[in-house]
C-alpha atoms as a PDB file:
ATOM      1  CA  MET A   1      -3.378 -18.923  22.082  1.00  0.00           C
ATOM      2  CA  LYS A   2      -2.312 -21.792  19.637  1.00  0.00           C
ATOM      3  CA  HIS A   3      -5.438 -20.432  17.549  1.00  0.00           C
ATOM      4  CA  ILE A   4      -4.084 -17.053  17.702  1.00  0.00           C
ATOM      5  CA  THR A   5      -0.472 -17.565  17.030  1.00  0.00           C
ATOM      6  CA  ILE A   6      -1.302 -19.473  14.001  1.00  0.00           C
ATOM      7  CA  LEU A   7      -3.657 -16.971  13.014  1.00  0.00           C
ATOM      8  CA  MET A   8      -0.903 -13.960  13.137  1.00  0.00           C
ATOM      9  CA  ILE A   9       1.487 -15.912  10.997  1.00  0.00           C
ATOM     10  CA  LEU A  10      -1.159 -16.610   8.349  1.00  0.00           C
ATOM     11  CA  ILE A  11      -1.909 -12.571   8.568  1.00  0.00           C
ATOM     12  CA  GLY A  12       1.573 -11.686   8.525  1.00  0.00           C
ATOM     13  CA  LEU A  13       2.180 -13.928   5.201  1.00  0.00           C
ATOM     14  CA  SER A  14      -0.777 -12.140   3.685  1.00  0.00           C
ATOM     15  CA  LEU A  15       0.593  -8.909   4.012  1.00  0.00           C
ATOM     16  CA  VAL A  16       4.342  -9.879   3.168  1.00  0.00           C
ATOM     17  CA  THR A  17       3.144 -11.693   0.008  1.00  0.00           C
ATOM     18  CA  ALA A  18       0.984  -8.953  -1.122  1.00  0.00           C
ATOM     19  CA  PHE A  19       3.467  -6.110  -0.677  1.00  0.00           C
ATOM     20  CA  VAL A  20       6.321  -8.290  -2.241  1.00  0.00           C
ATOM     21  CA  THR A  21       4.383  -9.112  -5.181  1.00  0.00           C
ATOM     22  CA  ALA A  22       3.641  -5.896  -5.591  1.00  0.00           C
ATOM     23  CA  ALA A  23       6.729  -4.358  -5.228  1.00  0.00           C
ATOM     24  CA  GLU A  24       8.622  -7.133  -7.549  1.00  0.00           C
ATOM     25  CA  GLU A  25       6.271  -6.757 -10.561  1.00  0.00           C
ATOM     26  CA  THR A  26       6.355  -2.617 -10.103  1.00  0.00           C
ATOM     27  CA  GLU A  27       9.927  -3.132 -10.890  1.00  0.00           C
ATOM     28  CA  GLU A  28       9.840  -5.252 -13.462  1.00  0.00           C
ATOM     29  CA  MET A  29       7.268  -3.476 -15.064  1.00  0.00           C
ATOM     30  CA  MET A  30       9.865  -0.476 -15.172  1.00  0.00           C
ATOM     31  CA  GLU A  31      12.563  -2.156 -16.327  1.00  0.00           C
ATOM     32  CA  VAL A  32      10.482  -3.170 -19.757  1.00  0.00           C
ATOM     33  CA  ILE A  33       8.562   0.253 -20.154  1.00  0.00           C
ATOM     34  CA  SER A  34      11.052   2.795 -21.667  1.00  0.00           C
ATOM     35  CA  ILE A  35      12.228   6.727 -20.729  1.00  0.00           C
ATOM     36  CA  ASP A  36      10.575   7.894 -23.972  1.00  0.00           C
ATOM     37  CA  GLU A  37       7.358   5.715 -23.492  1.00  0.00           C
ATOM     38  CA  MET A  38       6.780   6.814 -19.987  1.00  0.00           C
ATOM     39  CA  SER A  39       7.506  10.761 -20.446  1.00  0.00           C
ATOM     40  CA  THR A  40       4.827  10.465 -23.036  1.00  0.00           C
ATOM     41  CA  THR A  41       2.173   8.640 -20.919  1.00  0.00           C
ATOM     42  CA  ASN A  42      -0.412  11.357 -18.964  1.00  0.00           C
ATOM     43  CA  LEU A  43      -3.079   8.629 -18.064  1.00  0.00           C
ATOM     44  CA  PHE A  44      -4.178  10.634 -14.685  1.00  0.00           C
ATOM     45  CA  SER A  45      -5.654  13.943 -14.682  1.00  0.00           C
ATOM     46  CA  PRO A  46      -5.090  15.729 -11.630  1.00  0.00           C
ATOM     47  CA  ASP A  47      -8.460  14.386 -10.376  1.00  0.00           C
ATOM     48  CA  ALA A  48      -8.083  10.954 -11.563  1.00  0.00           C
ATOM     49  CA  ARG A  49      -5.194  11.013  -9.622  1.00  0.00           C
ATOM     50  CA  GLU A  50      -7.017  11.847  -6.737  1.00  0.00           C
ATOM     51  CA  ALA A  51      -9.856   9.453  -7.132  1.00  0.00           C
ATOM     52  CA  PHE A  52      -7.326   6.499  -7.351  1.00  0.00           C
ATOM     53  CA  ALA A  53      -5.706   7.823  -4.410  1.00  0.00           C
ATOM     54  CA  ASP A  54      -9.097   7.579  -2.794  1.00  0.00           C
ATOM     55  CA  VAL A  55      -9.351   3.550  -4.209  1.00  0.00           C
ATOM     56  CA  ILE A  56      -5.928   2.711  -3.270  1.00  0.00           C
ATOM     57  CA  GLN A  57      -6.304   4.181   0.862  1.00  0.00           C
ATOM     58  CA  LYS A  58      -9.772   2.285   0.796  1.00  0.00           C
ATOM     59  CA  ILE A  59      -8.254  -0.836  -0.132  1.00  0.00           C
ATOM     60  CA  LEU A  60      -5.198  -0.621   2.454  1.00  0.00           C
ATOM     61  CA  MET A  61      -8.424   0.288   4.916  1.00  0.00           C
ATOM     62  CA  ILE A  62     -10.312  -2.610   4.295  1.00  0.00           C
ATOM     63  CA  THR A  63      -7.467  -5.279   4.372  1.00  0.00           C
ATOM     64  CA  GLU A  64      -6.241  -3.762   7.598  1.00  0.00           C
ATOM     65  CA  GLU A  65      -9.641  -4.077   9.337  1.00  0.00           C
ATOM     66  CA  ALA A  66      -9.989  -7.816   8.144  1.00  0.00           C
ATOM     67  CA  PHE A  67      -7.178  -8.832   9.275  1.00  0.00           C
ATOM     68  CA  GLY A  68      -7.580  -6.835  12.900  1.00  0.00           C
ATOM     69  CA  TYR A  69     -10.836  -8.144  13.727  1.00  0.00           C
ATOM     70  CA  LEU A  70      -9.540 -11.839  12.893  1.00  0.00           C
ATOM     71  CA  LEU A  71      -6.977 -11.328  15.139  1.00  0.00           C
ATOM     72  CA  SER A  72      -8.894  -8.599  17.846  1.00  0.00           C
ATOM     73  CA  GLY A  73     -12.214 -10.494  18.250  1.00  0.00           C
ATOM     74  CA  ASN A  74     -13.028  -6.350  18.225  1.00  0.00           C
ATOM     75  CA  ALA A  75     -16.526  -6.537  16.384  1.00  0.00           C
ATOM     76  CA  GLY A  76     -16.366  -2.549  15.483  1.00  0.00           C
ATOM     77  CA  GLU A  77     -13.062  -3.886  12.853  1.00  0.00           C
ATOM     78  CA  LYS A  78     -15.434  -6.031  11.197  1.00  0.00           C
ATOM     79  CA  GLN A  79     -18.215  -3.325  10.894  1.00  0.00           C
ATOM     80  CA  ALA A  80     -15.908  -0.942   9.528  1.00  0.00           C
ATOM     81  CA  PHE A  81     -14.617  -3.463   7.064  1.00  0.00           C
ATOM     82  CA  LEU A  82     -18.247  -3.848   5.963  1.00  0.00           C
ATOM     83  CA  ASP A  83     -18.876  -0.275   6.114  1.00  0.00           C
ATOM     84  CA  GLU A  84     -15.636   0.485   4.285  1.00  0.00           C
ATOM     85  CA  PHE A  85     -16.240  -2.066   1.298  1.00  0.00           C
ATOM     86  CA  ALA A  86     -19.733  -0.466   0.746  1.00  0.00           C
ATOM     87  CA  THR A  87     -18.634   2.430  -0.046  1.00  0.00           C
ATOM     88  CA  LEU A  88     -15.633   1.181  -2.434  1.00  0.00           C
ATOM     89  CA  GLU A  89     -17.779   0.816  -5.505  1.00  0.00           C
ATOM     90  CA  ASP A  90     -18.492   5.073  -5.222  1.00  0.00           C
ATOM     91  CA  ASP A  91     -14.621   5.447  -4.944  1.00  0.00           C
ATOM     92  CA  TYR A  92     -14.087   3.641  -7.949  1.00  0.00           C
ATOM     93  CA  ALA A  93     -17.240   5.243 -10.237  1.00  0.00           C
ATOM     94  CA  THR A  94     -15.465   8.641  -9.274  1.00  0.00           C
ATOM     95  CA  PHE A  95     -12.473   7.241 -11.024  1.00  0.00           C
ATOM     96  CA  ARG A  96     -15.070   6.079 -14.001  1.00  0.00           C
ATOM     97  CA  ASP A  97     -16.050   9.500 -14.303  1.00  0.00           C
ATOM     98  CA  VAL A  98     -12.867  10.927 -14.390  1.00  0.00           C
ATOM     99  CA  ILE A  99     -10.806   8.785 -16.664  1.00  0.00           C
ATOM    100  CA  ASP A 100     -11.726   7.472 -20.129  1.00  0.00           C
ATOM    101  CA  LEU A 101     -11.028   3.967 -19.780  1.00  0.00           C
ATOM    102  CA  ASN A 102     -12.144   3.216 -23.242  1.00  0.00           C
ATOM    103  CA  ALA A 103      -9.528   5.552 -24.985  1.00  0.00           C
ATOM    104  CA  THR A 104      -6.963   3.269 -27.018  1.00  0.00           C
ATOM    105  CA  GLU A 105      -3.964   4.308 -25.309  1.00  0.00           C
ATOM    106  CA  TYR A 106      -6.127   3.338 -21.645  1.00  0.00           C
ATOM    107  CA  ALA A 107      -6.625  -0.613 -23.301  1.00  0.00           C
ATOM    108  CA  GLU A 108      -3.906  -1.951 -20.378  1.00  0.00           C
ATOM    109  CA  MET A 109      -5.072   0.567 -17.388  1.00  0.00           C
ATOM    110  CA  THR A 110      -8.469  -1.329 -18.069  1.00  0.00           C
ATOM    111  CA  ILE A 111      -7.442  -4.819 -18.239  1.00  0.00           C
ATOM    112  CA  LEU A 112      -5.799  -3.628 -14.577  1.00  0.00           C
ATOM    113  CA  PHE A 113      -8.896  -1.845 -13.411  1.00  0.00           C
ATOM    114  CA  ASN A 114     -11.324  -4.403 -14.349  1.00  0.00           C
ATOM    115  CA  GLU A 115      -8.422  -7.080 -12.434  1.00  0.00           C
ATOM    116  CA  LEU A 116      -8.538  -4.500  -9.787  1.00  0.00           C
ATOM    117  CA  ASN A 117     -11.716  -4.286  -9.538  1.00  0.00           C
ATOM    118  CA  ASN A 118     -12.235  -8.468  -9.416  1.00  0.00           C
ATOM    119  CA  ALA A 119      -9.953  -8.855  -7.031  1.00  0.00           C
ATOM    120  CA  THR A 120     -11.868  -6.522  -4.620  1.00  0.00           C
ATOM    121  CA  ASP A 121     -14.901  -8.402  -4.861  1.00  0.00           C
ATOM    122  CA  ASP A 122     -13.056 -11.297  -3.969  1.00  0.00           C
ATOM    123  CA  MET A 123     -11.511  -9.886  -1.214  1.00  0.00           C
ATOM    124  CA  GLU A 124     -15.128  -9.390   0.424  1.00  0.00           C
ATOM    125  CA  THR A 125     -16.162 -12.885  -0.472  1.00  0.00           C
ATOM    126  CA  THR A 126     -13.224 -13.968   1.108  1.00  0.00           C
ATOM    127  CA  ALA A 127     -13.257 -12.277   4.340  1.00  0.00           C
ATOM    128  CA  GLN A 128     -16.776 -12.957   4.901  1.00  0.00           C
ATOM    129  CA  ILE A 129     -15.723 -16.627   5.158  1.00  0.00           C
ATOM    130  CA  MET A 130     -12.946 -15.907   6.980  1.00  0.00           C
ATOM    131  CA  PHE A 131     -15.505 -13.966   9.619  1.00  0.00           C
ATOM    132  CA  ALA A 132     -17.833 -16.896   9.763  1.00  0.00           C
ATOM    133  CA  SER A 133     -15.588 -19.119  10.297  1.00  0.00           C
ATOM    134  CA  TYR A 134     -13.766 -17.321  12.852  1.00  0.00           C
ATOM    135  CA  GLU A 135     -17.193 -16.544  14.923  1.00  0.00           C
ATOM    136  CA  GLU A 136     -17.800 -20.337  14.962  1.00  0.00           C
ATOM    137  CA  ASN A 137     -14.063 -22.320  15.563  1.00  0.00           C
ATOM    138  CA  GLN A 138     -12.010 -19.015  16.761  1.00  0.00           C
ATOM    139  CA  ALA A 139      -9.740 -20.045  14.216  1.00  0.00           C
ATOM    140  CA  VAL A 140      -9.730 -19.587  10.305  1.00  0.00           C
ATOM    141  CA  THR A 141      -8.512 -22.296   8.238  1.00  0.00           C
ATOM    142  CA  LEU A 142      -5.004 -22.494   5.603  1.00  0.00           C
ATOM    143  CA  GLU A 143      -6.990 -22.358   3.040  1.00  0.00           C
ATOM    144  CA  GLU A 144      -9.038 -19.902   3.882  1.00  0.00           C
ATOM    145  CA  ALA A 145      -6.543 -17.740   4.596  1.00  0.00           C
ATOM    146  CA  MET A 146      -4.781 -18.218   1.416  1.00  0.00           C
ATOM    147  CA  ALA A 147      -7.796 -17.700  -0.134  1.00  0.00           C
ATOM    148  CA  PHE A 148      -7.661 -14.001   1.030  1.00  0.00           C
ATOM    149  CA  GLU A 149      -4.084 -13.322   0.753  1.00  0.00           C
ATOM    150  CA  ASP A 150      -4.886 -14.319  -3.275  1.00  0.00           C
ATOM    151  CA  ALA A 151      -7.522 -11.800  -3.183  1.00  0.00           C
ATOM    152  CA  VAL A 152      -5.234  -8.897  -1.701  1.00  0.00           C
ATOM    153  CA  ASP A 153      -2.166  -9.849  -3.573  1.00  0.00           C
ATOM    154  CA  THR A 154      -3.663  -9.561  -6.877  1.00  0.00           C
ATOM    155  CA  ALA A 155      -5.425  -6.143  -6.064  1.00  0.00           C
ATOM    156  CA  THR A 156      -2.349  -5.084  -4.536  1.00  0.00           C
ATOM    157  CA  SER A 157      -0.495  -5.971  -7.558  1.00  0.00           C
ATOM    158  CA  ALA A 158      -2.940  -4.548 -10.258  1.00  0.00           C
ATOM    159  CA  ALA A 159      -3.198  -0.725  -8.262  1.00  0.00           C
ATOM    160  CA  HIS A 160       0.589  -1.120  -8.113  1.00  0.00           C
ATOM    161  CA  GLN A 161       0.712  -1.542 -12.212  1.00  0.00           C
ATOM    162  CA  ILE A 162      -1.864   1.420 -12.751  1.00  0.00           C
ATOM    163  CA  TRP A 163       0.203   3.612 -11.279  1.00  0.00           C
ATOM    164  CA  ILE A 164       3.694   2.758 -12.888  1.00  0.00           C
ATOM    165  CA  LEU A 165       1.142   3.360 -16.181  1.00  0.00           C
ATOM    166  CA  ASN A 166       1.368   6.903 -14.915  1.00  0.00           C
ATOM    167  CA  THR A 167       4.886   7.493 -13.700  1.00  0.00           C
ATOM    168  CA  GLU A 168       6.795   9.879 -16.166  1.00  0.00           C
ATOM    169  CA  SER A 169      10.207   7.690 -15.890  1.00  0.00           C
ATOM    170  CA  GLY A 170      11.102   4.743 -15.652  1.00  0.00           C
ATOM    171  CA  THR A 171      14.138   5.049 -14.063  1.00  0.00           C
ATOM    172  CA  GLU A 172      15.238   7.995 -12.259  1.00  0.00           C
ATOM    173  CA  PRO A 173      12.744  10.580 -10.813  1.00  0.00           C
ATOM    174  CA  SER A 174      12.808  13.554 -12.935  1.00  0.00           C
ATOM    175  CA  ASN A 175       9.944  16.000 -11.610  1.00  0.00           C
ATOM    176  CA  LEU A 176       8.325  16.892  -8.037  1.00  0.00           C
ATOM    177  CA  GLU A 177       5.363  14.790  -8.426  1.00  0.00           C
ATOM    178  CA  ALA A 178       7.964  11.810  -8.878  1.00  0.00           C
ATOM    179  CA  TYR A 179      10.289  12.289  -6.313  1.00  0.00           C
ATOM    180  CA  LYS A 180       7.148  12.164  -3.847  1.00  0.00           C
ATOM    181  CA  ASP A 181       5.955   8.972  -5.788  1.00  0.00           C
ATOM    182  CA  ARG A 182       9.634   6.863  -5.215  1.00  0.00           C
ATOM    183  CA  LEU A 183       9.982   8.565  -1.682  1.00  0.00           C
ATOM    184  CA  MET A 184       6.656   7.217  -0.630  1.00  0.00           C
ATOM    185  CA  SER A 185       7.501   3.927  -2.380  1.00  0.00           C
ATOM    186  CA  SER A 186      10.542   3.414  -0.478  1.00  0.00           C
ATOM    187  CA  LEU A 187       8.687   3.547   2.296  1.00  0.00           C
ATOM    188  CA  PHE A 188       6.320   1.040   1.068  1.00  0.00           C
ATOM    189  CA  ARG A 189       8.931  -1.713   1.009  1.00  0.00           C
ATOM    190  CA  ALA A 190      10.529  -1.071   4.100  1.00  0.00           C
ATOM    191  CA  ILE A 191       7.146  -1.482   5.737  1.00  0.00           C
ATOM    192  CA  GLU A 192       6.031  -4.538   3.873  1.00  0.00           C
ATOM    193  CA  GLU A 193       9.924  -6.137   5.392  1.00  0.00           C
ATOM    194  CA  SER A 194       9.539  -5.055   8.595  1.00  0.00           C
ATOM    195  CA  TYR A 195       6.258  -7.089   8.677  1.00  0.00           C
ATOM    196  CA  ALA A 196       8.298 -10.317   7.079  1.00  0.00           C
ATOM    197  CA  TYR A 197      11.325  -9.967   9.736  1.00  0.00           C
ATOM    198  CA  PRO A 198       9.576 -11.018  12.247  1.00  0.00           C
ATOM    199  CA  ILE A 199       7.037 -13.428  11.254  1.00  0.00           C
ATOM    200  CA  LEU A 200       9.467 -15.263   8.389  1.00  0.00           C
ATOM    201  CA  GLY A 201      13.070 -15.150  11.103  1.00  0.00           C
ATOM    202  CA  ASP A 202      14.758 -14.185   8.022  1.00  0.00           C
ATOM    203  CA  THR A 203      17.425 -11.504   8.901  1.00  0.00           C
ATOM    204  CA  ILE A 204      17.594 -10.449   4.737  1.00  0.00           C
ATOM    205  CA  GLU A 205      13.792  -9.057   5.096  1.00  0.00           C
ATOM    206  CA  LYS A 206      15.504  -6.816   8.161  1.00  0.00           C
ATOM    207  CA  GLU A 207      18.233  -6.370   5.910  1.00  0.00           C
ATOM    208  CA  GLU A 208      16.432  -5.153   3.329  1.00  0.00           C
ATOM    209  CA  ALA A 209      13.769  -2.960   5.367  1.00  0.00           C
ATOM    210  CA  LEU A 210      16.894  -1.274   6.806  1.00  0.00           C
ATOM    211  CA  ASP A 211      18.196  -0.933   3.287  1.00  0.00           C
ATOM    212  CA  ASN A 212      14.865   0.632   2.076  1.00  0.00           C
ATOM    213  CA  PHE A 213      14.693   3.263   5.181  1.00  0.00           C
ATOM    214  CA  ALA A 214      17.888   4.212   4.187  1.00  0.00           C
ATOM    215  CA  ARG A 215      16.884   4.253   0.658  1.00  0.00           C
ATOM    216  CA  PHE A 216      14.647   7.429   1.697  1.00  0.00           C
ATOM    217  CA  ASP A 217      16.702   9.231   3.332  1.00  0.00           C
ATOM    218  CA  GLU A 218      18.936   9.438   0.268  1.00  0.00           C
ATOM    219  CA  LEU A 219      15.790  10.187  -2.144  1.00  0.00           C
ATOM    220  CA  ALA A 220      15.480  12.755   0.884  1.00  0.00           C
ATOM    221  CA  ILE A 221      18.719  14.654   0.308  1.00  0.00           C
ATOM    222  CA  GLU A 222      18.264  14.613  -3.823  1.00  0.00           C
ATOM    223  CA  PHE A 223      14.628  16.024  -2.995  1.00  0.00           C
ATOM    224  CA  THR A 224      16.252  18.698  -1.476  1.00  0.00           C
ATOM    225  CA  GLU A 225      19.052  19.739  -3.894  1.00  0.00           C
ATOM    226  CA  GLN A 226      16.286  19.500  -6.633  1.00  0.00           C
ATOM    227  CA  PHE A 227      13.831  21.141  -5.176  1.00  0.00           C
ATOM    228  CA  PRO A 228      15.000  23.384  -2.722  1.00  0.00           C
ATOM    229  CA  GLU A 229      11.916  25.306  -2.333  1.00  0.00           C
ATOM    230  CA  GLU A 230      10.125  22.479  -1.403  1.00  0.00           C
ATOM    231  CA  SER A 231       9.684  20.228   2.046  1.00  0.00           C
ATOM    232  CA  CYS A 232       9.127  16.781   2.335  1.00  0.00           C
ATOM    233  CA  GLU A 233       9.888  17.254   6.493  1.00  0.00           C
ATOM    234  CA  ASP A 234       6.774  15.776   7.527  1.00  0.00           C
ATOM    235  CA  LEU A 235       7.107  12.548   5.202  1.00  0.00           C
ATOM    236  CA  LYS A 236      10.447  12.001   7.117  1.00  0.00           C
ATOM    237  CA  ILE A 237       8.842  12.647  10.592  1.00  0.00           C
ATOM    238  CA  VAL A 238       6.384   9.370   9.333  1.00  0.00           C
ATOM    239  CA  LYS A 239       9.527   7.801   8.008  1.00  0.00           C
ATOM    240  CA  ASN A 240      11.795   7.908  11.467  1.00  0.00           C
ATOM    241  CA  ASP A 241       8.619   7.175  13.331  1.00  0.00           C
ATOM    242  CA  LEU A 242       7.928   3.648  11.355  1.00  0.00           C
ATOM    243  CA  MET A 243      11.811   2.685  11.556  1.00  0.00           C
ATOM    244  CA  THR A 244      11.700   3.699  15.189  1.00  0.00           C
ATOM    245  CA  ALA A 245       8.499   1.536  15.413  1.00  0.00           C
ATOM    246  CA  ALA A 246      10.150  -1.243  12.979  1.00  0.00           C
ATOM    247  CA  GLU A 247      13.536  -1.167  15.152  1.00  0.00           C
ATOM    248  CA  ALA A 248      11.583  -2.055  18.199  1.00  0.00           C
ATOM    249  CA  MET A 249       9.514  -5.472  16.434  1.00  0.00           C
ATOM    250  CA  PHE A 250      12.985  -6.440  15.424  1.00  0.00           C
ATOM    251  CA  ALA A 251      14.472  -6.338  19.073  1.00  0.00           C
ATOM    252  CA  ALA A 252      11.141  -7.739  20.752  1.00  0.00           C
ATOM    253  CA  TYR A 253      11.598 -10.740  18.366  1.00  0.00           C
ATOM    254  CA  GLU A 254      15.007 -11.107  18.837  1.00  0.00           C
ATOM    255  CA  THR A 255      14.687 -11.277  22.441  1.00  0.00           C
ATOM    256  CA  ASP A 256      11.594 -12.735  23.226  1.00  0.00           C
ATOM    257  CA  GLY A 257      10.904 -14.963  19.654  1.00  0.00           C
ATOM    258  CA  ALA A 258       7.630 -13.187  19.733  1.00  0.00           C
ATOM    259  CA  VAL A 259       6.022  -9.245  19.193  1.00  0.00           C
ATOM    260  CA  SER A 260       3.674  -8.052  21.782  1.00  0.00           C
ATOM    261  CA  PRO A 261       0.662  -6.664  20.611  1.00  0.00           C
ATOM    262  CA  ASP A 262       1.264  -3.557  22.143  1.00  0.00           C
ATOM    263  CA  ILE A 263       4.775  -3.313  20.175  1.00  0.00           C
ATOM    264  CA  PHE A 264       3.110  -4.114  17.175  1.00  0.00           C
ATOM    265  CA  GLY A 265       0.183  -2.094  17.393  1.00  0.00           C
ATOM    266  CA  THR A 266       2.532   0.705  17.719  1.00  0.00           C
ATOM    267  CA  PHE A 267       3.655  -0.259  14.137  1.00  0.00           C
ATOM    268  CA  GLU A 268       0.148  -0.374  12.968  1.00  0.00           C
ATOM    269  CA  ALA A 269      -0.638   2.975  14.186  1.00  0.00           C
ATOM    270  CA  PHE A 270       2.388   4.754  12.044  1.00  0.00           C
ATOM    271  CA  VAL A 271       1.476   2.450   8.856  1.00  0.00           C
ATOM    272  CA  GLU A 272      -2.043   4.118   9.456  1.00  0.00           C
ATOM    273  CA  GLU A 273      -0.314   7.598   9.425  1.00  0.00           C
ATOM    274  CA  PHE A 274       2.403   6.840   6.413  1.00  0.00           C
ATOM    275  CA  ASN A 275      -1.207   6.330   4.511  1.00  0.00           C
ATOM    276  CA  ASP A 276      -2.540   9.599   6.088  1.00  0.00           C
ATOM    277  CA  ALA A 277       0.186  11.150   4.666  1.00  0.00           C
ATOM    278  CA  TYR A 278       0.551   9.684   1.348  1.00  0.00           C
ATOM    279  CA  ARG A 279      -2.944  10.972   1.277  1.00  0.00           C
ATOM    280  CA  ALA A 280      -1.885  14.320   2.031  1.00  0.00           C
ATOM    281  CA  ILE A 281       0.827  14.528  -0.439  1.00  0.00           C
ATOM    282  CA  GLU A 282      -1.599  13.685  -3.066  1.00  0.00           C
ATOM    283  CA  LEU A 283      -3.745  16.193  -2.143  1.00  0.00           C
ATOM    284  CA  GLN A 284      -1.290  19.043  -2.030  1.00  0.00           C
ATOM    285  CA  GLU A 285       0.254  18.178  -5.365  1.00  0.00           C
ATOM    286  CA  ASP A 286      -3.107  18.845  -7.223  1.00  0.00           C
ATOM    287  CA  ALA A 287      -3.697  22.175  -4.821  1.00  0.00           C
ATOM    288  CA  GLU A 288      -0.141  23.826  -6.096  1.00  0.00           C
ATOM    289  CA  LYS A 289      -1.458  22.540  -9.839  1.00  0.00           C
ATOM    290  CA  GLU A 290      -4.683  24.931  -9.223  1.00  0.00           C
ATOM    291  CA  VAL A 291      -2.630  27.772  -7.326  1.00  0.00           C
ATOM    292  CA  ALA A 292      -0.051  27.573 -10.606  1.00  0.00           C
ATOM    293  CA  GLY A 293      -3.200  28.051 -13.277  1.00  0.00           C
ATOM    294  CA  GLU A 294      -2.860  24.204 -14.166  1.00  0.00           C
ATOM    295  CA  GLU A 295      -6.488  22.688 -15.708  1.00  0.00           C
ATOM    296  CA  VAL A 296      -7.643  20.492 -12.818  1.00  0.00           C
ATOM    297  CA  ALA A 297     -10.051  18.046 -14.461  1.00  0.00           C
END
């Protein structure tokens, strides 16, 4: 039980550090890139945006499966990690096929993309070390966990910075796609802070999680006002489920000093629903562009 408790803390810190660092670096980049620079940048064609969404979703999945195996001991989680990682290079290749990484204006993204690729290689290497240690000792060392955390952190940060390079506006969302990105970003931040509170016991994390759920509601109102013909109802349902599950975690932690596997599992399930919703939104945007007669590369 002691090993599992230590492992849960390490896992939680990995997730929190990765997501928090990515969010902070995203905000810093948005401050230094002007609106004019952002508005004239169109790095992703619809196909490239879809391909990169596949990459991000795959990274989230393999991270979750690695943690899931260490926490549960379920060999299926380890096999899922191995299977998903084996197809990640195909996702990278698809992305390379639909975007010119050698173009001069893509130089910064090329650096970030190579950093992302190297980081996911490190994720696989360090995960295998953790798996071997867990299978031998039923526990992993702090050094092993931190090495995997660093790889996840680097991959997540690079992926978010690439999205920022493709953002139309560095300050406020000004089109349909940008609004949807901001809605999802607010939920990403809420998720990371929801993980952090019961692990770190810092009430600021809880407050920031609730603030980001509230920020989603504010953006949803703006979205409806700006685009009355559009709907974000599906994403609102996902947000409500996430917030309900997060509040259940908070209450359990405050009452019992811990979160049961069932309560934690419910939150994880809704995080997966959010990932699915994120992917569906990307596909919907591309389909709408095709219907409107826009070129899909």
